[in-house]
Amino acid sequence: MFEDCIKCGLCKENCFIEKAGFESLTSFVSGDSNNKDLAWVCANCWYCQEHCLQEVNIMEGKLTLQRLLKSPEAINVGIANVKQCGFCLPIDEDVLESRVDQGLDKFNLLDETTIAYLLG
């Protein structure tokens, strides 16, 4: 899926996650890592693909890998949270009250019908 990659490293050079000091999908694409699970470590900014001299479809490769690999538990937890409250982090009434205590606006959680529609 990344056969046309010439391993120049431009994808990795322009990756926000790599710039922050962490390995990302671009470490796998550029050949600096054999860890296919890095397909899940991506900010979805498309900078890697925009800077690719060979026009490798990095994002399509990422999606292909994600379909083939077992998703990490953190992804599964995030999906479960979205199904529950509409956000990938758990937000409940206690969190909403804490927001108010800190001077932030309270907001309404999504109802089950809206969540089901969005995930449709």
PDB file of N, CA and C in Angstrom:
ATOM      1  N   MET A   1       0.802  -1.212   0.000  1.00  0.00           N
ATOM      2  CA  MET A   1       0.000   0.000   0.000  1.00  0.00           C
ATOM      3  C   MET A   1       0.839   1.269   0.000  1.00  0.00           C
ATOM      4  N   PHE A   2       2.062   1.186   0.477  1.00  0.00           N
ATOM      5  CA  PHE A   2       2.977   2.330   0.444  1.00  0.00           C
ATOM      6  C   PHE A   2       4.167   2.031  -0.474  1.00  0.00           C
ATOM      7  N   GLU A   3       3.949   1.189  -1.487  1.00  0.00           N
ATOM      8  CA  GLU A   3       5.022   0.726  -2.364  1.00  0.00           C
ATOM      9  C   GLU A   3       5.719   1.855  -3.110  1.00  0.00           C
ATOM     10  N   ASP A   4       4.996   2.920  -3.434  1.00  0.00           N
ATOM     11  CA  ASP A   4       5.580   4.027  -4.187  1.00  0.00           C
ATOM     12  C   ASP A   4       6.409   4.979  -3.322  1.00  0.00           C
ATOM     13  N   CYS A   5       6.407   4.751  -2.022  1.00  0.00           N
ATOM     14  CA  CYS A   5       7.156   5.612  -1.097  1.00  0.00           C
ATOM     15  C   CYS A   5       8.658   5.454  -1.337  1.00  0.00           C
ATOM     16  N   ILE A   6       9.352   6.574  -1.451  1.00  0.00           N
ATOM     17  CA  ILE A   6      10.801   6.551  -1.659  1.00  0.00           C
ATOM     18  C   ILE A   6      11.571   6.774  -0.345  1.00  0.00           C
ATOM     19  N   LYS A   7      10.847   6.786   0.771  1.00  0.00           N
ATOM     20  CA  LYS A   7      11.438   6.914   2.114  1.00  0.00           C
ATOM     21  C   LYS A   7      12.222   8.212   2.291  1.00  0.00           C
ATOM     22  N   CYS A   8      11.708   9.292   1.699  1.00  0.00           N
ATOM     23  CA  CYS A   8      12.397  10.591   1.813  1.00  0.00           C
ATOM     24  C   CYS A   8      12.208  11.230   3.188  1.00  0.00           C
ATOM     25  N   GLY A   9      11.127  10.855   3.888  1.00  0.00           N
ATOM     26  CA  GLY A   9      10.884  11.372   5.227  1.00  0.00           C
ATOM     27  C   GLY A   9      10.126  12.685   5.294  1.00  0.00           C
ATOM     28  N   LEU A  10       9.690  13.232   4.151  1.00  0.00           N
ATOM     29  CA  LEU A  10       8.943  14.497   4.195  1.00  0.00           C
ATOM     30  C   LEU A  10       7.631  14.350   4.954  1.00  0.00           C
ATOM     31  N   CYS A  11       7.000  13.193   4.847  1.00  0.00           N
ATOM     32  CA  CYS A  11       5.753  12.979   5.583  1.00  0.00           C
ATOM     33  C   CYS A  11       6.020  13.096   7.085  1.00  0.00           C
ATOM     34  N   LYS A  12       7.082  12.457   7.518  1.00  0.00           N
ATOM     35  CA  LYS A  12       7.440  12.457   8.938  1.00  0.00           C
ATOM     36  C   LYS A  12       7.864  13.855   9.398  1.00  0.00           C
ATOM     37  N   GLU A  13       8.598  14.559   8.555  1.00  0.00           N
ATOM     38  CA  GLU A  13       9.057  15.917   8.868  1.00  0.00           C
ATOM     39  C   GLU A  13       7.892  16.876   9.095  1.00  0.00           C
ATOM     40  N   ASN A  14       6.768  16.641   8.438  1.00  0.00           N
ATOM     41  CA  ASN A  14       5.634  17.556   8.504  1.00  0.00           C
ATOM     42  C   ASN A  14       4.508  17.063   9.412  1.00  0.00           C
ATOM     43  N   CYS A  15       4.766  16.021  10.154  1.00  0.00           N
ATOM     44  CA  CYS A  15       3.748  15.441  11.032  1.00  0.00           C
ATOM     45  C   CYS A  15       3.756  16.128  12.398  1.00  0.00           C
ATOM     46  N   PHE A  16       2.594  16.616  12.828  1.00  0.00           N
ATOM     47  CA  PHE A  16       2.481  17.284  14.130  1.00  0.00           C
ATOM     48  C   PHE A  16       2.855  16.338  15.274  1.00  0.00           C
ATOM     49  N   ILE A  17       2.453  15.092  15.153  1.00  0.00           N
ATOM     50  CA  ILE A  17       2.721  14.123  16.221  1.00  0.00           C
ATOM     51  C   ILE A  17       4.216  13.849  16.326  1.00  0.00           C
ATOM     52  N   GLU A  18       4.863  13.691  15.181  1.00  0.00           N
ATOM     53  CA  GLU A  18       6.313  13.477  15.169  1.00  0.00           C
ATOM     54  C   GLU A  18       7.040  14.705  15.718  1.00  0.00           C
ATOM     55  N   LYS A  19       6.562  15.898  15.356  1.00  0.00           N
ATOM     56  CA  LYS A  19       7.185  17.131  15.857  1.00  0.00           C
ATOM     57  C   LYS A  19       7.067  17.240  17.375  1.00  0.00           C
ATOM     58  N   ALA A  20       6.030  16.610  17.933  1.00  0.00           N
ATOM     59  CA  ALA A  20       5.836  16.624  19.385  1.00  0.00           C
ATOM     60  C   ALA A  20       6.692  15.563  20.074  1.00  0.00           C
ATOM     61  N   GLY A  21       7.417  14.774  19.280  1.00  0.00           N
ATOM     62  CA  GLY A  21       8.329  13.795  19.867  1.00  0.00           C
ATOM     63  C   GLY A  21       7.783  12.383  19.965  1.00  0.00           C
ATOM     64  N   PHE A  22       6.679  12.098  19.288  1.00  0.00           N
ATOM     65  CA  PHE A  22       6.078  10.767  19.339  1.00  0.00           C
ATOM     66  C   PHE A  22       6.127  10.110  17.962  1.00  0.00           C
ATOM     67  N   GLU A  23       6.131   8.797  17.946  1.00  0.00           N
ATOM     68  CA  GLU A  23       6.025   8.095  16.676  1.00  0.00           C
ATOM     69  C   GLU A  23       4.583   8.148  16.191  1.00  0.00           C
ATOM     70  N   SER A  24       4.434   8.230  14.872  1.00  0.00           N
ATOM     71  CA  SER A  24       3.097   8.261  14.283  1.00  0.00           C
ATOM     72  C   SER A  24       3.061   7.347  13.073  1.00  0.00           C
ATOM     73  N   LEU A  25       1.962   7.378  12.389  1.00  0.00           N
ATOM     74  CA  LEU A  25       1.808   6.643  11.141  1.00  0.00           C
ATOM     75  C   LEU A  25       2.983   6.904  10.205  1.00  0.00           C
ATOM     76  N   THR A  26       3.480   8.127  10.184  1.00  0.00           N
ATOM     77  CA  THR A  26       4.558   8.480   9.252  1.00  0.00           C
ATOM     78  C   THR A  26       5.859   7.742   9.563  1.00  0.00           C
ATOM     79  N   SER A  27       6.065   7.319  10.808  1.00  0.00           N
ATOM     80  CA  SER A  27       7.232   6.500  11.137  1.00  0.00           C
ATOM     81  C   SER A  27       7.127   5.151  10.435  1.00  0.00           C
ATOM     82  N   PHE A  28       5.921   4.603  10.370  1.00  0.00           N
ATOM     83  CA  PHE A  28       5.709   3.343   9.669  1.00  0.00           C
ATOM     84  C   PHE A  28       5.853   3.531   8.158  1.00  0.00           C
ATOM     85  N   VAL A  29       5.218   4.569   7.623  1.00  0.00           N
ATOM     86  CA  VAL A  29       5.256   4.822   6.181  1.00  0.00           C
ATOM     87  C   VAL A  29       6.691   5.044   5.708  1.00  0.00           C
ATOM     88  N   SER A  30       7.458   5.817   6.453  1.00  0.00           N
ATOM     89  CA  SER A  30       8.824   6.162   6.040  1.00  0.00           C
ATOM     90  C   SER A  30       9.826   5.033   6.285  1.00  0.00           C
ATOM     91  N   GLY A  31       9.368   3.951   6.906  1.00  0.00           N
ATOM     92  CA  GLY A  31      10.238   2.808   7.133  1.00  0.00           C
ATOM     93  C   GLY A  31      11.061   2.871   8.402  1.00  0.00           C
ATOM     94  N   ASP A  32      10.809   3.870   9.246  1.00  0.00           N
ATOM     95  CA  ASP A  32      11.551   3.996  10.498  1.00  0.00           C
ATOM     96  C   ASP A  32      10.986   3.119  11.610  1.00  0.00           C
ATOM     97  N   SER A  33       9.848   2.481  11.362  1.00  0.00           N
ATOM     98  CA  SER A  33       9.236   1.581  12.330  1.00  0.00           C
ATOM     99  C   SER A  33       8.494   0.476  11.571  1.00  0.00           C
ATOM    100  N   ASN A  34       8.487  -0.708  12.153  1.00  0.00           N
ATOM    101  CA  ASN A  34       7.710  -1.824  11.589  1.00  0.00           C
ATOM    102  C   ASN A  34       6.377  -1.985  12.294  1.00  0.00           C
ATOM    103  N   ASN A  35       6.039  -1.067  13.175  1.00  0.00           N
ATOM    104  CA  ASN A  35       4.835  -1.155  13.992  1.00  0.00           C
ATOM    105  C   ASN A  35       3.600  -0.692  13.205  1.00  0.00           C
ATOM    106  N   LYS A  36       2.847  -1.648  12.676  1.00  0.00           N
ATOM    107  CA  LYS A  36       1.642  -1.317  11.907  1.00  0.00           C
ATOM    108  C   LYS A  36       0.585  -0.630  12.766  1.00  0.00           C
ATOM    109  N   ASP A  37       0.633  -0.859  14.088  1.00  0.00           N
ATOM    110  CA  ASP A  37      -0.353  -0.222  14.973  1.00  0.00           C
ATOM    111  C   ASP A  37      -0.251   1.299  14.962  1.00  0.00           C
ATOM    112  N   LEU A  38       0.838   1.828  14.418  1.00  0.00           N
ATOM    113  CA  LEU A  38       0.964   3.282  14.302  1.00  0.00           C
ATOM    114  C   LEU A  38      -0.080   3.854  13.345  1.00  0.00           C
ATOM    115  N   ALA A  39      -0.779   2.990  12.622  1.00  0.00           N
ATOM    116  CA  ALA A  39      -1.877   3.451  11.767  1.00  0.00           C
ATOM    117  C   ALA A  39      -2.940   4.166  12.596  1.00  0.00           C
ATOM    118  N   TRP A  40      -2.989   3.877  13.888  1.00  0.00           N
ATOM    119  CA  TRP A  40      -3.970   4.513  14.770  1.00  0.00           C
ATOM    120  C   TRP A  40      -3.446   5.822  15.353  1.00  0.00           C
ATOM    121  N   VAL A  41      -2.164   6.136  15.131  1.00  0.00           N
ATOM    122  CA  VAL A  41      -1.578   7.353  15.692  1.00  0.00           C
ATOM    123  C   VAL A  41      -1.451   8.370  14.562  1.00  0.00           C
ATOM    124  N   CYS A  42      -2.516   9.126  14.388  1.00  0.00           N
ATOM    125  CA  CYS A  42      -2.595  10.072  13.273  1.00  0.00           C
ATOM    126  C   CYS A  42      -3.539  11.206  13.666  1.00  0.00           C
ATOM    127  N   ALA A  43      -3.142  12.432  13.371  1.00  0.00           N
ATOM    128  CA  ALA A  43      -3.976  13.592  13.691  1.00  0.00           C
ATOM    129  C   ALA A  43      -4.997  13.891  12.587  1.00  0.00           C
ATOM    130  N   ASN A  44      -4.956  13.130  11.501  1.00  0.00           N
ATOM    131  CA  ASN A  44      -5.875  13.330  10.365  1.00  0.00           C
ATOM    132  C   ASN A  44      -5.790  14.737   9.780  1.00  0.00           C
ATOM    133  N   CYS A  45      -4.608  15.306   9.794  1.00  0.00           N
ATOM    134  CA  CYS A  45      -4.431  16.653   9.247  1.00  0.00           C
ATOM    135  C   CYS A  45      -4.077  16.629   7.759  1.00  0.00           C
ATOM    136  N   TRP A  46      -3.650  15.484   7.262  1.00  0.00           N
ATOM    137  CA  TRP A  46      -3.293  15.253   5.860  1.00  0.00           C
ATOM    138  C   TRP A  46      -1.997  15.955   5.441  1.00  0.00           C
ATOM    139  N   TYR A  47      -1.259  16.561   6.374  1.00  0.00           N
ATOM    140  CA  TYR A  47      -0.008  17.227   6.011  1.00  0.00           C
ATOM    141  C   TYR A  47       0.973  16.242   5.382  1.00  0.00           C
ATOM    142  N   CYS A  48       1.002  15.018   5.889  1.00  0.00           N
ATOM    143  CA  CYS A  48       1.930  14.026   5.338  1.00  0.00           C
ATOM    144  C   CYS A  48       1.657  13.814   3.854  1.00  0.00           C
ATOM    145  N   GLN A  49       0.397  13.668   3.535  1.00  0.00           N
ATOM    146  CA  GLN A  49       0.035  13.420   2.142  1.00  0.00           C
ATOM    147  C   GLN A  49       0.262  14.654   1.275  1.00  0.00           C
ATOM    148  N   GLU A  50      -0.015  15.826   1.808  1.00  0.00           N
ATOM    149  CA  GLU A  50       0.187  17.064   1.055  1.00  0.00           C
ATOM    150  C   GLU A  50       1.654  17.282   0.687  1.00  0.00           C
ATOM    151  N   HIS A  51       2.571  16.778   1.521  1.00  0.00           N
ATOM    152  CA  HIS A  51       3.999  17.003   1.293  1.00  0.00           C
ATOM    153  C   HIS A  51       4.692  15.836   0.586  1.00  0.00           C
ATOM    154  N   CYS A  52       3.955  14.791   0.269  1.00  0.00           N
ATOM    155  CA  CYS A  52       4.556  13.607  -0.344  1.00  0.00           C
ATOM    156  C   CYS A  52       4.922  13.881  -1.803  1.00  0.00           C
ATOM    157  N   LEU A  53       6.223  13.757  -2.108  1.00  0.00           N
ATOM    158  CA  LEU A  53       6.715  13.989  -3.470  1.00  0.00           C
ATOM    159  C   LEU A  53       6.211  12.941  -4.458  1.00  0.00           C
ATOM    160  N   GLN A  54       5.945  11.739  -3.960  1.00  0.00           N
ATOM    161  CA  GLN A  54       5.513  10.629  -4.814  1.00  0.00           C
ATOM    162  C   GLN A  54       3.983  10.529  -4.907  1.00  0.00           C
ATOM    163  N   GLU A  55       3.301  11.428  -4.215  1.00  0.00           N
ATOM    164  CA  GLU A  55       1.837  11.423  -4.181  1.00  0.00           C
ATOM    165  C   GLU A  55       1.280  10.082  -3.701  1.00  0.00           C
ATOM    166  N   VAL A  56       1.974   9.490  -2.714  1.00  0.00           N
ATOM    167  CA  VAL A  56       1.500   8.258  -2.097  1.00  0.00           C
ATOM    168  C   VAL A  56       0.207   8.581  -1.349  1.00  0.00           C
ATOM    169  N   ASN A  57      -0.792   7.754  -1.524  1.00  0.00           N
ATOM    170  CA  ASN A  57      -2.069   7.985  -0.842  1.00  0.00           C
ATOM    171  C   ASN A  57      -1.966   7.438   0.587  1.00  0.00           C
ATOM    172  N   ILE A  58      -1.316   8.221   1.438  1.00  0.00           N
ATOM    173  CA  ILE A  58      -1.041   7.816   2.812  1.00  0.00           C
ATOM    174  C   ILE A  58      -2.327   7.617   3.594  1.00  0.00           C
ATOM    175  N   MET A  59      -3.274   8.499   3.420  1.00  0.00           N
ATOM    176  CA  MET A  59      -4.514   8.404   4.189  1.00  0.00           C
ATOM    177  C   MET A  59      -5.323   7.169   3.799  1.00  0.00           C
ATOM    178  N   GLU A  60      -5.342   6.810   2.537  1.00  0.00           N
ATOM    179  CA  GLU A  60      -6.025   5.586   2.121  1.00  0.00           C
ATOM    180  C   GLU A  60      -5.315   4.365   2.706  1.00  0.00           C
ATOM    181  N   GLY A  61      -3.988   4.396   2.710  1.00  0.00           N
ATOM    182  CA  GLY A  61      -3.220   3.318   3.322  1.00  0.00           C
ATOM    183  C   GLY A  61      -3.511   3.195   4.806  1.00  0.00           C
ATOM    184  N   LYS A  62      -3.651   4.333   5.470  1.00  0.00           N
ATOM    185  CA  LYS A  62      -3.980   4.332   6.897  1.00  0.00           C
ATOM    186  C   LYS A  62      -5.323   3.660   7.129  1.00  0.00           C
ATOM    187  N   LEU A  63      -6.319   4.024   6.332  1.00  0.00           N
ATOM    188  CA  LEU A  63      -7.646   3.433   6.488  1.00  0.00           C
ATOM    189  C   LEU A  63      -7.632   1.935   6.202  1.00  0.00           C
ATOM    190  N   THR A  64      -6.859   1.533   5.207  1.00  0.00           N
ATOM    191  CA  THR A  64      -6.737   0.109   4.889  1.00  0.00           C
ATOM    192  C   THR A  64      -6.136  -0.644   6.075  1.00  0.00           C
ATOM    193  N   LEU A  65      -5.049  -0.111   6.638  1.00  0.00           N
ATOM    194  CA  LEU A  65      -4.439  -0.738   7.803  1.00  0.00           C
ATOM    195  C   LEU A  65      -5.416  -0.808   8.974  1.00  0.00           C
ATOM    196  N   GLN A  66      -6.151   0.271   9.201  1.00  0.00           N
ATOM    197  CA  GLN A  66      -7.094   0.286  10.321  1.00  0.00           C
ATOM    198  C   GLN A  66      -8.187  -0.760  10.140  1.00  0.00           C
ATOM    199  N   ARG A  67      -8.583  -1.000   8.900  1.00  0.00           N
ATOM    200  CA  ARG A  67      -9.595  -2.039   8.647  1.00  0.00           C
ATOM    201  C   ARG A  67      -9.036  -3.429   8.916  1.00  0.00           C
ATOM    202  N   LEU A  68      -7.745  -3.619   8.675  1.00  0.00           N
ATOM    203  CA  LEU A  68      -7.117  -4.929   8.827  1.00  0.00           C
ATOM    204  C   LEU A  68      -6.706  -5.235  10.269  1.00  0.00           C
ATOM    205  N   LEU A  69      -6.379  -4.209  11.029  1.00  0.00           N
ATOM    206  CA  LEU A  69      -5.858  -4.386  12.385  1.00  0.00           C
ATOM    207  C   LEU A  69      -6.963  -4.333  13.430  1.00  0.00           C
ATOM    208  N   LYS A  70      -6.714  -4.955  14.549  1.00  0.00           N
ATOM    209  CA  LYS A  70      -7.613  -4.836  15.694  1.00  0.00           C
ATOM    210  C   LYS A  70      -7.417  -3.437  16.289  1.00  0.00           C
ATOM    211  N   SER A  71      -8.506  -2.753  16.540  1.00  0.00           N
ATOM    212  CA  SER A  71      -8.387  -1.397  17.088  1.00  0.00           C
ATOM    213  C   SER A  71      -7.925  -1.443  18.544  1.00  0.00           C
ATOM    214  N   PRO A  72      -7.086  -0.479  18.943  1.00  0.00           N
ATOM    215  CA  PRO A  72      -6.622  -0.406  20.329  1.00  0.00           C
ATOM    216  C   PRO A  72      -7.792  -0.167  21.285  1.00  0.00           C
ATOM    217  N   GLU A  73      -7.615  -0.601  22.512  1.00  0.00           N
ATOM    218  CA  GLU A  73      -8.688  -0.457  23.512  1.00  0.00           C
ATOM    219  C   GLU A  73      -9.106   0.996  23.687  1.00  0.00           C
ATOM    220  N   ALA A  74      -8.167   1.927  23.615  1.00  0.00           N
ATOM    221  CA  ALA A  74      -8.511   3.352  23.777  1.00  0.00           C
ATOM    222  C   ALA A  74      -9.492   3.809  22.697  1.00  0.00           C
ATOM    223  N   ILE A  75      -9.341   3.295  21.489  1.00  0.00           N
ATOM    224  CA  ILE A  75     -10.271   3.633  20.407  1.00  0.00           C
ATOM    225  C   ILE A  75     -11.650   3.072  20.736  1.00  0.00           C
ATOM    226  N   ASN A  76     -11.684   1.830  21.212  1.00  0.00           N
ATOM    227  CA  ASN A  76     -12.961   1.206  21.563  1.00  0.00           C
ATOM    228  C   ASN A  76     -13.663   1.962  22.690  1.00  0.00           C
ATOM    229  N   VAL A  77     -12.886   2.412  23.662  1.00  0.00           N
ATOM    230  CA  VAL A  77     -13.459   3.190  24.771  1.00  0.00           C
ATOM    231  C   VAL A  77     -14.014   4.516  24.238  1.00  0.00           C
ATOM    232  N   GLY A  78     -13.259   5.169  23.360  1.00  0.00           N
ATOM    233  CA  GLY A  78     -13.723   6.426  22.773  1.00  0.00           C
ATOM    234  C   GLY A  78     -15.026   6.251  22.008  1.00  0.00           C
ATOM    235  N   ILE A  79     -15.129   5.179  21.241  1.00  0.00           N
ATOM    236  CA  ILE A  79     -16.357   4.907  20.483  1.00  0.00           C
ATOM    237  C   ILE A  79     -17.522   4.647  21.432  1.00  0.00           C
ATOM    238  N   ALA A  80     -17.262   3.887  22.492  1.00  0.00           N
ATOM    239  CA  ALA A  80     -18.316   3.626  23.486  1.00  0.00           C
ATOM    240  C   ALA A  80     -18.780   4.925  24.135  1.00  0.00           C
ATOM    241  N   ASN A  81     -17.833   5.840  24.426  1.00  0.00           N
ATOM    242  CA  ASN A  81     -18.197   7.132  25.010  1.00  0.00           C
ATOM    243  C   ASN A  81     -19.039   7.958  24.041  1.00  0.00           C
ATOM    244  N   VAL A  82     -18.674   7.950  22.751  1.00  0.00           N
ATOM    245  CA  VAL A  82     -19.459   8.686  21.747  1.00  0.00           C
ATOM    246  C   VAL A  82     -20.882   8.146  21.715  1.00  0.00           C
ATOM    247  N   LYS A  83     -21.005   6.839  21.755  1.00  0.00           N
ATOM    248  CA  LYS A  83     -22.343   6.227  21.735  1.00  0.00           C
ATOM    249  C   LYS A  83     -23.149   6.601  22.974  1.00  0.00           C
ATOM    250  N   GLN A  84     -22.441   6.783  24.099  1.00  0.00           N
ATOM    251  CA  GLN A  84     -23.122   7.094  25.356  1.00  0.00           C
ATOM    252  C   GLN A  84     -23.502   8.566  25.480  1.00  0.00           C
ATOM    253  N   CYS A  85     -22.531   9.461  25.196  1.00  0.00           N
ATOM    254  CA  CYS A  85     -22.790  10.877  25.479  1.00  0.00           C
ATOM    255  C   CYS A  85     -22.537  11.813  24.306  1.00  0.00           C
ATOM    256  N   GLY A  86     -22.040  11.269  23.181  1.00  0.00           N
ATOM    257  CA  GLY A  86     -21.799  12.115  22.019  1.00  0.00           C
ATOM    258  C   GLY A  86     -20.397  12.695  21.964  1.00  0.00           C
ATOM    259  N   PHE A  87     -19.555  12.378  22.940  1.00  0.00           N
ATOM    260  CA  PHE A  87     -18.180  12.882  22.997  1.00  0.00           C
ATOM    261  C   PHE A  87     -17.237  11.704  23.228  1.00  0.00           C
ATOM    262  N   CYS A  88     -15.982  11.820  22.751  1.00  0.00           N
ATOM    263  CA  CYS A  88     -15.065  10.687  22.924  1.00  0.00           C
ATOM    264  C   CYS A  88     -14.526  10.586  24.346  1.00  0.00           C
ATOM    265  N   LEU A  89     -14.606  11.659  25.099  1.00  0.00           N
ATOM    266  CA  LEU A  89     -14.262  11.594  26.515  1.00  0.00           C
ATOM    267  C   LEU A  89     -15.555  11.517  27.316  1.00  0.00           C
ATOM    268  N   PRO A  90     -15.552  10.789  28.412  1.00  0.00           N
ATOM    269  CA  PRO A  90     -16.804  10.640  29.167  1.00  0.00           C
ATOM    270  C   PRO A  90     -17.237  11.957  29.798  1.00  0.00           C
ATOM    271  N   ILE A  91     -18.402  12.399  29.438  1.00  0.00           N
ATOM    272  CA  ILE A  91     -18.952  13.628  30.010  1.00  0.00           C
ATOM    273  C   ILE A  91     -20.300  13.275  30.621  1.00  0.00           C
ATOM    274  N   ASP A  92     -20.422  13.568  31.901  1.00  0.00           N
ATOM    275  CA  ASP A  92     -21.678  13.308  32.594  1.00  0.00           C
ATOM    276  C   ASP A  92     -22.068  14.566  33.368  1.00  0.00           C
ATOM    277  N   GLU A  93     -23.112  14.463  34.152  1.00  0.00           N
ATOM    278  CA  GLU A  93     -23.605  15.622  34.901  1.00  0.00           C
ATOM    279  C   GLU A  93     -22.545  16.176  35.856  1.00  0.00           C
ATOM    280  N   ASP A  94     -21.725  15.307  36.455  1.00  0.00           N
ATOM    281  CA  ASP A  94     -20.667  15.772  37.361  1.00  0.00           C
ATOM    282  C   ASP A  94     -19.658  16.651  36.626  1.00  0.00           C
ATOM    283  N   VAL A  95     -19.288  16.249  35.415  1.00  0.00           N
ATOM    284  CA  VAL A  95     -18.353  17.038  34.610  1.00  0.00           C
ATOM    285  C   VAL A  95     -18.988  18.379  34.254  1.00  0.00           C
ATOM    286  N   LEU A  96     -20.259  18.346  33.894  1.00  0.00           N
ATOM    287  CA  LEU A  96     -20.949  19.594  33.535  1.00  0.00           C
ATOM    288  C   LEU A  96     -21.010  20.549  34.726  1.00  0.00           C
ATOM    289  N   GLU A  97     -21.255  20.008  35.905  1.00  0.00           N
ATOM    290  CA  GLU A  97     -21.289  20.841  37.113  1.00  0.00           C
ATOM    291  C   GLU A  97     -19.901  21.399  37.425  1.00  0.00           C
ATOM    292  N   SER A  98     -18.867  20.612  37.202  1.00  0.00           N
ATOM    293  CA  SER A  98     -17.493  21.085  37.412  1.00  0.00           C
ATOM    294  C   SER A  98     -17.176  22.240  36.476  1.00  0.00           C
ATOM    295  N   ARG A  99     -17.679  22.162  35.250  1.00  0.00           N
ATOM    296  CA  ARG A  99     -17.483  23.265  34.297  1.00  0.00           C
ATOM    297  C   ARG A  99     -18.068  24.556  34.864  1.00  0.00           C
ATOM    298  N   VAL A 100     -19.270  24.467  35.387  1.00  0.00           N
ATOM    299  CA  VAL A 100     -19.940  25.643  35.942  1.00  0.00           C
ATOM    300  C   VAL A 100     -19.144  26.173  37.136  1.00  0.00           C
ATOM    301  N   ASP A 101     -18.658  25.253  37.982  1.00  0.00           N
ATOM    302  CA  ASP A 101     -17.856  25.656  39.143  1.00  0.00           C
ATOM    303  C   ASP A 101     -16.590  26.409  38.721  1.00  0.00           C
ATOM    304  N   GLN A 102     -16.075  26.099  37.541  1.00  0.00           N
ATOM    305  CA  GLN A 102     -14.864  26.747  37.033  1.00  0.00           C
ATOM    306  C   GLN A 102     -15.179  27.990  36.195  1.00  0.00           C
ATOM    307  N   GLY A 103     -16.460  28.363  36.143  1.00  0.00           N
ATOM    308  CA  GLY A 103     -16.844  29.563  35.415  1.00  0.00           C
ATOM    309  C   GLY A 103     -17.109  29.336  33.922  1.00  0.00           C
ATOM    310  N   LEU A 104     -17.195  28.076  33.508  1.00  0.00           N
ATOM    311  CA  LEU A 104     -17.486  27.760  32.110  1.00  0.00           C
ATOM    312  C   LEU A 104     -18.974  27.536  31.912  1.00  0.00           C
ATOM    313  N   ASP A 105     -19.423  27.671  30.697  1.00  0.00           N
ATOM    314  CA  ASP A 105     -20.829  27.458  30.392  1.00  0.00           C
ATOM    315  C   ASP A 105     -21.192  25.984  30.488  1.00  0.00           C
ATOM    316  N   LYS A 106     -22.386  25.729  30.969  1.00  0.00           N
ATOM    317  CA  LYS A 106     -22.915  24.376  30.950  1.00  0.00           C
ATOM    318  C   LYS A 106     -23.499  24.159  29.553  1.00  0.00           C
ATOM    319  N   PHE A 107     -23.384  22.957  29.035  1.00  0.00           N
ATOM    320  CA  PHE A 107     -23.984  22.659  27.741  1.00  0.00           C
ATOM    321  C   PHE A 107     -24.792  21.379  27.851  1.00  0.00           C
ATOM    322  N   ASN A 108     -25.655  21.177  26.909  1.00  0.00           N
ATOM    323  CA  ASN A 108     -26.518  19.998  26.930  1.00  0.00           C
ATOM    324  C   ASN A 108     -25.827  18.819  26.258  1.00  0.00           C
ATOM    325  N   LEU A 109     -25.914  17.677  26.911  1.00  0.00           N
ATOM    326  CA  LEU A 109     -25.418  16.448  26.297  1.00  0.00           C
ATOM    327  C   LEU A 109     -26.357  16.052  25.165  1.00  0.00           C
ATOM    328  N   LEU A 110     -25.837  15.338  24.204  1.00  0.00           N
ATOM    329  CA  LEU A 110     -26.669  14.865  23.103  1.00  0.00           C
ATOM    330  C   LEU A 110     -27.576  13.745  23.600  1.00  0.00           C
ATOM    331  N   ASP A 111     -28.794  13.728  23.109  1.00  0.00           N
ATOM    332  CA  ASP A 111     -29.700  12.657  23.500  1.00  0.00           C
ATOM    333  C   ASP A 111     -29.457  11.425  22.627  1.00  0.00           C
ATOM    334  N   GLU A 112     -29.976  10.270  23.066  1.00  0.00           N
ATOM    335  CA  GLU A 112     -29.724   9.015  22.368  1.00  0.00           C
ATOM    336  C   GLU A 112     -30.178   9.045  20.918  1.00  0.00           C
ATOM    337  N   THR A 113     -31.264   9.725  20.619  1.00  0.00           N
ATOM    338  CA  THR A 113     -31.776   9.779  19.247  1.00  0.00           C
ATOM    339  C   THR A 113     -30.803  10.546  18.347  1.00  0.00           C
ATOM    340  N   THR A 114     -30.289  11.650  18.835  1.00  0.00           N
ATOM    341  CA  THR A 114     -29.341  12.447  18.052  1.00  0.00           C
ATOM    342  C   THR A 114     -28.051  11.664  17.828  1.00  0.00           C
ATOM    343  N   ILE A 115     -27.548  11.013  18.873  1.00  0.00           N
ATOM    344  CA  ILE A 115     -26.325  10.213  18.757  1.00  0.00           C
ATOM    345  C   ILE A 115     -26.527   9.109  17.727  1.00  0.00           C
ATOM    346  N   ALA A 116     -27.637   8.400  17.810  1.00  0.00           N
ATOM    347  CA  ALA A 116     -27.920   7.321  16.863  1.00  0.00           C
ATOM    348  C   ALA A 116     -28.001   7.853  15.437  1.00  0.00           C
ATOM    349  N   TYR A 117     -28.588   9.029  15.270  1.00  0.00           N
ATOM    350  CA  TYR A 117     -28.681   9.648  13.932  1.00  0.00           C
ATOM    351  C   TYR A 117     -27.295   9.987  13.395  1.00  0.00           C
ATOM    352  N   LEU A 118     -26.461  10.593  14.234  1.00  0.00           N
ATOM    353  CA  LEU A 118     -25.121  10.986  13.816  1.00  0.00           C
ATOM    354  C   LEU A 118     -24.234   9.779  13.477  1.00  0.00           C
ATOM    355  N   LEU A 119     -24.395   8.702  14.218  1.00  0.00           N
ATOM    356  CA  LEU A 119     -23.598   7.518  13.974  1.00  0.00           C
ATOM    357  C   LEU A 119     -24.176   6.666  12.840  1.00  0.00           C
ATOM    358  N   GLY A 120     -25.434   6.971  12.499  1.00  0.00           N
ATOM    359  CA  GLY A 120     -26.235   6.322  11.479  1.00  0.00           C
ATOM    360  C   GLY A 120     -25.689   5.407  10.585  1.00  0.00           C
TER     361      GLY A 120
END
